[in-house]
């Protein structure tokens, strides 16, 4: 996937991670990296989080930190959960189509699908 594809998937990734466990922006970026969504620019991630908050899919609150200044913690709202479920259904349908595509590709003897590699979301192959 190129950077623009990853950026378009950032919203559902963040909603899912926050659904699993409310967290701070920096920690969410770290969790994305562990999922293979590498090199998400913090500024972009925070803009997406703010947009999700404006859409009322997330709420945030300031939480005191022993290690420094208070940090903003993001939580999913009921609207956010509804939105996440709709996105997951859409992604599941897309996954079925993608699986068919990959199976067709695999039928060609000269084709081989390389193993997935971590994606640098800063790279845009336009």
N, C-alpha and C. Protein backbone atom coordinates (compact mmCIF):
# COMPACT_ATOMS: atom_id res chain seq x y z
N UNK A 1 0.85 -1.19 0.00
CA UNK A 1 0.00 0.00 0.00
C UNK A 1 0.88 1.23 0.00
N UNK A 2 0.45 2.22 -0.73
CA UNK A 2 1.21 3.46 -0.73
C UNK A 2 0.70 4.36 0.40
N UNK A 3 1.39 5.43 0.62
CA UNK A 3 1.07 6.32 1.73
C UNK A 3 -0.35 6.84 1.72
N UNK A 4 -0.87 7.20 0.54
CA UNK A 4 -2.23 7.75 0.49
C UNK A 4 -3.26 6.69 0.86
N UNK A 5 -3.01 5.42 0.50
CA UNK A 5 -3.93 4.35 0.89
C UNK A 5 -3.92 4.17 2.40
N UNK A 6 -2.76 4.22 3.00
CA UNK A 6 -2.68 4.10 4.46
C UNK A 6 -3.37 5.28 5.12
N UNK A 7 -3.15 6.49 4.60
CA UNK A 7 -3.79 7.66 5.21
C UNK A 7 -5.31 7.53 5.15
N UNK A 8 -5.84 6.96 4.06
CA UNK A 8 -7.29 6.81 3.97
C UNK A 8 -7.81 5.77 4.95
N UNK A 9 -6.95 4.87 5.38
CA UNK A 9 -7.35 3.84 6.35
C UNK A 9 -7.08 4.25 7.79
N UNK A 10 -6.49 5.40 7.99
CA UNK A 10 -6.11 5.81 9.34
C UNK A 10 -7.32 5.96 10.26
N UNK A 11 -8.42 6.50 9.75
CA UNK A 11 -9.61 6.67 10.59
C UNK A 11 -10.10 5.34 11.15
N UNK A 12 -10.37 4.32 10.31
CA UNK A 12 -10.84 3.06 10.91
C UNK A 12 -9.80 2.41 11.82
N UNK A 13 -8.51 2.52 11.47
CA UNK A 13 -7.49 1.97 12.35
C UNK A 13 -7.55 2.62 13.73
N UNK A 14 -7.63 3.94 13.76
CA UNK A 14 -7.67 4.66 15.04
C UNK A 14 -8.94 4.33 15.82
N UNK A 15 -10.08 4.30 15.13
CA UNK A 15 -11.33 3.97 15.82
C UNK A 15 -11.24 2.58 16.45
N UNK A 16 -10.69 1.62 15.72
CA UNK A 16 -10.56 0.26 16.25
C UNK A 16 -9.64 0.22 17.46
N UNK A 17 -8.48 0.86 17.35
CA UNK A 17 -7.54 0.86 18.48
C UNK A 17 -8.15 1.51 19.72
N UNK A 18 -8.87 2.60 19.52
CA UNK A 18 -9.49 3.29 20.65
C UNK A 18 -10.63 2.46 21.22
N UNK A 19 -11.35 1.74 20.35
CA UNK A 19 -12.40 0.83 20.83
C UNK A 19 -11.78 -0.26 21.70
N UNK A 20 -10.63 -0.78 21.28
CA UNK A 20 -9.96 -1.82 22.05
C UNK A 20 -9.48 -1.29 23.40
N UNK A 21 -8.94 -0.06 23.36
CA UNK A 21 -8.43 0.53 24.60
C UNK A 21 -8.26 2.03 24.39
N UNK A 22 -9.02 2.86 25.11
CA UNK A 22 -8.81 4.31 25.03
C UNK A 22 -7.34 4.63 25.34
N UNK A 23 -6.80 5.62 24.65
CA UNK A 23 -5.37 5.88 24.80
C UNK A 23 -5.04 7.31 24.40
N UNK A 24 -3.77 7.67 24.61
CA UNK A 24 -3.23 8.97 24.23
C UNK A 24 -2.75 8.91 22.78
N UNK A 25 -2.68 10.05 22.13
CA UNK A 25 -2.28 10.11 20.73
C UNK A 25 -0.96 9.43 20.44
N UNK A 26 0.06 9.72 21.25
CA UNK A 26 1.38 9.13 21.01
C UNK A 26 1.32 7.61 21.11
N UNK A 27 0.60 7.11 22.12
CA UNK A 27 0.48 5.66 22.29
C UNK A 27 -0.27 5.04 21.11
N UNK A 28 -1.27 5.74 20.60
CA UNK A 28 -2.01 5.24 19.44
C UNK A 28 -1.08 5.12 18.23
N UNK A 29 -0.21 6.09 18.05
CA UNK A 29 0.75 6.04 16.94
C UNK A 29 1.70 4.85 17.12
N UNK A 30 2.13 4.61 18.34
CA UNK A 30 2.99 3.46 18.63
C UNK A 30 2.27 2.15 18.35
N UNK A 31 1.01 2.08 18.72
CA UNK A 31 0.22 0.87 18.48
C UNK A 31 0.01 0.65 16.98
N UNK A 32 -0.19 1.73 16.23
CA UNK A 32 -0.30 1.62 14.77
C UNK A 32 0.98 1.02 14.20
N UNK A 33 2.12 1.49 14.67
CA UNK A 33 3.41 1.00 14.18
C UNK A 33 3.55 -0.50 14.45
N UNK A 34 3.10 -0.96 15.62
CA UNK A 34 3.17 -2.38 15.94
C UNK A 34 2.26 -3.21 15.03
N UNK A 35 1.23 -2.59 14.46
CA UNK A 35 0.33 -3.27 13.53
C UNK A 35 0.91 -3.31 12.11
N UNK A 36 2.03 -2.63 11.89
CA UNK A 36 2.61 -2.57 10.57
C UNK A 36 2.32 -1.28 9.83
N UNK A 37 1.57 -0.38 10.46
CA UNK A 37 1.30 0.94 9.87
C UNK A 37 2.40 1.86 10.38
N UNK A 38 3.53 1.79 9.71
CA UNK A 38 4.73 2.48 10.19
C UNK A 38 4.78 3.92 9.70
N UNK A 39 5.52 4.70 10.41
CA UNK A 39 5.86 6.07 10.00
C UNK A 39 4.66 6.99 9.79
N UNK A 40 3.65 6.84 10.62
CA UNK A 40 2.53 7.79 10.59
C UNK A 40 3.05 9.08 11.20
N UNK A 41 2.95 10.16 10.47
CA UNK A 41 3.42 11.44 11.00
C UNK A 41 2.50 11.87 12.14
N UNK A 42 3.07 12.20 13.30
CA UNK A 42 2.24 12.59 14.44
C UNK A 42 1.26 13.71 14.12
N UNK A 43 1.70 14.72 13.39
CA UNK A 43 0.80 15.83 13.06
C UNK A 43 -0.42 15.36 12.30
N UNK A 44 -0.21 14.43 11.37
CA UNK A 44 -1.34 13.91 10.60
C UNK A 44 -2.27 13.09 11.50
N UNK A 45 -1.69 12.25 12.35
CA UNK A 45 -2.51 11.43 13.25
C UNK A 45 -3.35 12.32 14.16
N UNK A 46 -2.76 13.37 14.70
CA UNK A 46 -3.51 14.26 15.59
C UNK A 46 -4.61 15.02 14.83
N UNK A 47 -4.35 15.38 13.58
CA UNK A 47 -5.41 16.03 12.78
C UNK A 47 -6.57 15.08 12.56
N UNK A 48 -6.27 13.82 12.30
CA UNK A 48 -7.33 12.82 12.11
C UNK A 48 -8.10 12.63 13.41
N UNK A 49 -7.40 12.55 14.53
CA UNK A 49 -8.08 12.41 15.82
C UNK A 49 -9.01 13.59 16.09
N UNK A 50 -8.54 14.78 15.80
CA UNK A 50 -9.38 15.99 16.00
C UNK A 50 -10.60 15.96 15.10
N UNK A 51 -10.41 15.53 13.85
CA UNK A 51 -11.54 15.44 12.92
C UNK A 51 -12.57 14.42 13.42
N UNK A 52 -12.10 13.29 13.92
CA UNK A 52 -13.01 12.29 14.47
C UNK A 52 -13.75 12.84 15.69
N UNK A 53 -13.06 13.66 16.46
CA UNK A 53 -13.70 14.28 17.62
C UNK A 53 -14.74 15.31 17.17
N UNK A 54 -14.44 16.09 16.15
CA UNK A 54 -15.42 17.06 15.63
C UNK A 54 -16.67 16.35 15.09
N UNK A 55 -16.46 15.15 14.53
CA UNK A 55 -17.58 14.37 14.02
C UNK A 55 -18.34 13.64 15.14
N UNK A 56 -17.89 13.85 16.37
CA UNK A 56 -18.49 13.24 17.56
C UNK A 56 -18.35 11.71 17.59
N UNK A 57 -17.32 11.21 16.94
CA UNK A 57 -17.04 9.79 16.98
C UNK A 57 -16.11 9.45 18.14
N UNK A 58 -15.40 10.47 18.62
CA UNK A 58 -14.50 10.35 19.77
C UNK A 58 -14.76 11.49 20.74
N UNK A 59 -14.39 11.26 21.97
CA UNK A 59 -14.28 12.35 22.94
C UNK A 59 -12.85 12.30 23.48
N UNK A 60 -12.43 13.39 24.06
CA UNK A 60 -11.11 13.39 24.68
C UNK A 60 -11.18 14.14 25.99
N UNK A 61 -10.26 13.78 26.86
CA UNK A 61 -10.16 14.47 28.14
C UNK A 61 -8.68 14.52 28.52
N UNK A 62 -8.35 15.55 29.29
CA UNK A 62 -6.97 15.70 29.74
C UNK A 62 -6.76 14.85 30.98
N UNK A 63 -5.70 14.04 30.95
CA UNK A 63 -5.38 13.14 32.05
C UNK A 63 -4.01 13.53 32.58
N UNK A 64 -3.90 13.77 33.91
CA UNK A 64 -2.60 14.11 34.49
C UNK A 64 -1.59 12.98 34.26
N UNK A 65 -0.34 13.36 34.13
CA UNK A 65 0.73 12.38 33.93
C UNK A 65 1.79 12.57 34.99
N UNK A 66 2.30 11.47 35.54
CA UNK A 66 3.39 11.54 36.51
C UNK A 66 4.69 11.96 35.85
N UNK A 67 4.80 11.70 34.54
CA UNK A 67 6.06 11.93 33.83
C UNK A 67 6.12 13.28 33.13
N UNK A 68 5.13 14.13 33.30
CA UNK A 68 5.17 15.42 32.62
C UNK A 68 3.80 16.05 32.55
N UNK A 69 3.55 16.83 31.52
CA UNK A 69 2.27 17.52 31.41
C UNK A 69 1.11 16.55 31.16
N UNK A 70 -0.09 17.03 31.41
CA UNK A 70 -1.28 16.22 31.17
C UNK A 70 -1.34 15.85 29.69
N UNK A 71 -1.93 14.69 29.43
CA UNK A 71 -2.05 14.21 28.05
C UNK A 71 -3.52 13.99 27.71
N UNK A 72 -3.84 14.20 26.45
CA UNK A 72 -5.21 14.03 25.98
C UNK A 72 -5.46 12.54 25.73
N UNK A 73 -6.52 12.02 26.35
CA UNK A 73 -6.89 10.61 26.20
C UNK A 73 -8.16 10.54 25.37
N UNK A 74 -8.15 9.70 24.34
CA UNK A 74 -9.28 9.58 23.42
C UNK A 74 -10.11 8.35 23.75
N UNK A 75 -11.44 8.53 23.68
CA UNK A 75 -12.39 7.44 23.91
C UNK A 75 -13.43 7.44 22.80
N UNK A 76 -13.93 6.26 22.48
CA UNK A 76 -14.96 6.11 21.46
C UNK A 76 -16.32 6.49 22.04
N UNK A 77 -17.13 7.18 21.27
CA UNK A 77 -18.51 7.49 21.67
C UNK A 77 -19.43 6.40 21.12
N UNK A 78 -20.71 6.45 21.50
CA UNK A 78 -21.69 5.51 20.95
C UNK A 78 -21.78 5.70 19.43
N UNK A 79 -21.75 6.96 18.98
CA UNK A 79 -21.76 7.23 17.54
C UNK A 79 -20.50 6.66 16.88
N UNK A 80 -19.39 6.74 17.58
CA UNK A 80 -18.14 6.20 17.05
C UNK A 80 -18.20 4.70 16.89
N UNK A 81 -18.83 4.02 17.85
CA UNK A 81 -18.97 2.57 17.77
C UNK A 81 -19.87 2.19 16.59
N UNK A 82 -20.95 2.93 16.40
CA UNK A 82 -21.84 2.68 15.26
C UNK A 82 -21.08 2.87 13.95
N UNK A 83 -20.30 3.95 13.88
CA UNK A 83 -19.50 4.23 12.68
C UNK A 83 -18.46 3.14 12.46
N UNK A 84 -17.80 2.71 13.52
CA UNK A 84 -16.79 1.65 13.41
C UNK A 84 -17.41 0.37 12.88
N UNK A 85 -18.58 0.01 13.39
CA UNK A 85 -19.25 -1.21 12.91
C UNK A 85 -19.56 -1.11 11.42
N UNK A 86 -20.03 0.05 10.97
CA UNK A 86 -20.32 0.24 9.55
C UNK A 86 -19.04 0.13 8.71
N UNK A 87 -17.97 0.74 9.21
CA UNK A 87 -16.70 0.67 8.48
C UNK A 87 -16.19 -0.77 8.43
N UNK A 88 -16.34 -1.50 9.53
CA UNK A 88 -15.88 -2.89 9.56
C UNK A 88 -16.65 -3.74 8.57
N UNK A 89 -17.97 -3.52 8.46
CA UNK A 89 -18.78 -4.27 7.49
C UNK A 89 -18.31 -3.96 6.07
N UNK A 90 -18.06 -2.69 5.80
CA UNK A 90 -17.59 -2.29 4.48
C UNK A 90 -16.21 -2.88 4.18
N UNK A 91 -15.32 -2.85 5.16
CA UNK A 91 -13.99 -3.42 4.97
C UNK A 91 -14.05 -4.94 4.79
N UNK A 92 -14.98 -5.60 5.48
CA UNK A 92 -15.13 -7.04 5.32
C UNK A 92 -15.57 -7.37 3.89
N UNK A 93 -16.50 -6.58 3.35
CA UNK A 93 -16.93 -6.79 1.96
C UNK A 93 -15.75 -6.55 1.01
N UNK A 94 -15.00 -5.49 1.26
CA UNK A 94 -13.83 -5.22 0.43
C UNK A 94 -12.81 -6.34 0.56
N UNK A 95 -12.65 -6.88 1.77
CA UNK A 95 -11.72 -7.98 1.99
C UNK A 95 -12.07 -9.20 1.15
N UNK A 96 -13.36 -9.47 1.01
CA UNK A 96 -13.81 -10.60 0.19
C UNK A 96 -13.43 -10.38 -1.27
N UNK A 97 -13.64 -9.16 -1.76
CA UNK A 97 -13.27 -8.83 -3.14
C UNK A 97 -11.75 -8.92 -3.31
N UNK A 98 -11.01 -8.40 -2.35
CA UNK A 98 -9.55 -8.44 -2.42
C UNK A 98 -9.05 -9.88 -2.40
N UNK A 99 -9.66 -10.72 -1.58
CA UNK A 99 -9.27 -12.12 -1.53
C UNK A 99 -9.48 -12.79 -2.90
N UNK A 100 -10.60 -12.49 -3.55
CA UNK A 100 -10.85 -13.03 -4.89
C UNK A 100 -9.78 -12.56 -5.87
N UNK A 101 -9.44 -11.30 -5.79
CA UNK A 101 -8.40 -10.74 -6.65
C UNK A 101 -7.08 -11.49 -6.45
N UNK A 102 -6.69 -11.68 -5.20
CA UNK A 102 -5.42 -12.34 -4.90
C UNK A 102 -5.43 -13.79 -5.34
N UNK A 103 -6.58 -14.46 -5.21
CA UNK A 103 -6.68 -15.84 -5.68
C UNK A 103 -6.51 -15.91 -7.19
N UNK A 104 -7.15 -14.99 -7.91
CA UNK A 104 -6.99 -14.95 -9.36
C UNK A 104 -5.53 -14.69 -9.75
N UNK A 105 -4.90 -13.79 -9.04
CA UNK A 105 -3.49 -13.48 -9.30
C UNK A 105 -2.63 -14.73 -9.07
N UNK A 106 -2.93 -15.46 -8.03
CA UNK A 106 -2.16 -16.65 -7.69
C UNK A 106 -2.32 -17.78 -8.68
N UNK A 107 -3.37 -17.75 -9.52
CA UNK A 107 -3.58 -18.79 -10.52
C UNK A 107 -2.58 -18.69 -11.67
N UNK A 108 -1.98 -17.53 -11.85
CA UNK A 108 -1.00 -17.37 -12.92
C UNK A 108 0.33 -17.98 -12.45
N UNK A 109 0.93 -18.90 -13.22
CA UNK A 109 2.15 -19.57 -12.76
C UNK A 109 3.32 -18.63 -12.49
N UNK A 110 3.43 -17.53 -13.24
CA UNK A 110 4.58 -16.64 -13.04
C UNK A 110 4.36 -15.64 -11.91
N UNK A 111 3.18 -15.66 -11.31
CA UNK A 111 2.91 -14.67 -10.26
C UNK A 111 3.25 -15.24 -8.90
N UNK A 112 3.64 -14.38 -8.06
CA UNK A 112 3.80 -14.72 -6.65
C UNK A 112 3.55 -13.45 -5.87
N UNK A 113 2.79 -13.60 -4.83
CA UNK A 113 2.48 -12.44 -4.00
C UNK A 113 3.53 -12.37 -2.91
N UNK A 114 4.31 -11.29 -2.87
CA UNK A 114 5.34 -11.18 -1.84
C UNK A 114 4.71 -11.01 -0.47
N UNK A 115 5.42 -11.41 0.58
CA UNK A 115 4.88 -11.21 1.92
C UNK A 115 4.73 -9.72 2.22
N UNK A 116 3.72 -9.37 3.02
CA UNK A 116 3.54 -7.95 3.33
C UNK A 116 4.73 -7.40 4.11
N UNK A 117 5.06 -6.17 3.82
CA UNK A 117 6.15 -5.49 4.53
C UNK A 117 5.55 -4.28 5.22
N UNK A 118 6.19 -3.80 6.28
CA UNK A 118 5.71 -2.57 6.92
C UNK A 118 5.63 -1.46 5.88
N UNK A 119 4.63 -0.64 6.03
CA UNK A 119 4.36 0.42 5.07
C UNK A 119 4.81 1.76 5.63
N UNK A 120 5.52 2.51 4.81
CA UNK A 120 5.90 3.86 5.17
C UNK A 120 4.81 4.78 4.66
N UNK A 121 3.98 5.31 5.56
CA UNK A 121 2.83 6.12 5.16
C UNK A 121 3.25 7.48 4.62
N UNK A 122 4.52 7.82 4.72
CA UNK A 122 4.97 9.11 4.20
C UNK A 122 5.27 9.03 2.71
N UNK A 123 5.35 7.81 2.18
CA UNK A 123 5.66 7.63 0.78
C UNK A 123 4.37 7.68 -0.01
N UNK A 124 4.35 8.47 -1.05
CA UNK A 124 3.18 8.57 -1.91
C UNK A 124 3.64 8.29 -3.33
N UNK A 125 3.10 7.26 -3.95
CA UNK A 125 3.58 6.83 -5.26
C UNK A 125 2.74 7.40 -6.39
N UNK A 126 2.47 8.68 -6.38
CA UNK A 126 1.72 9.31 -7.47
C UNK A 126 2.61 9.55 -8.65
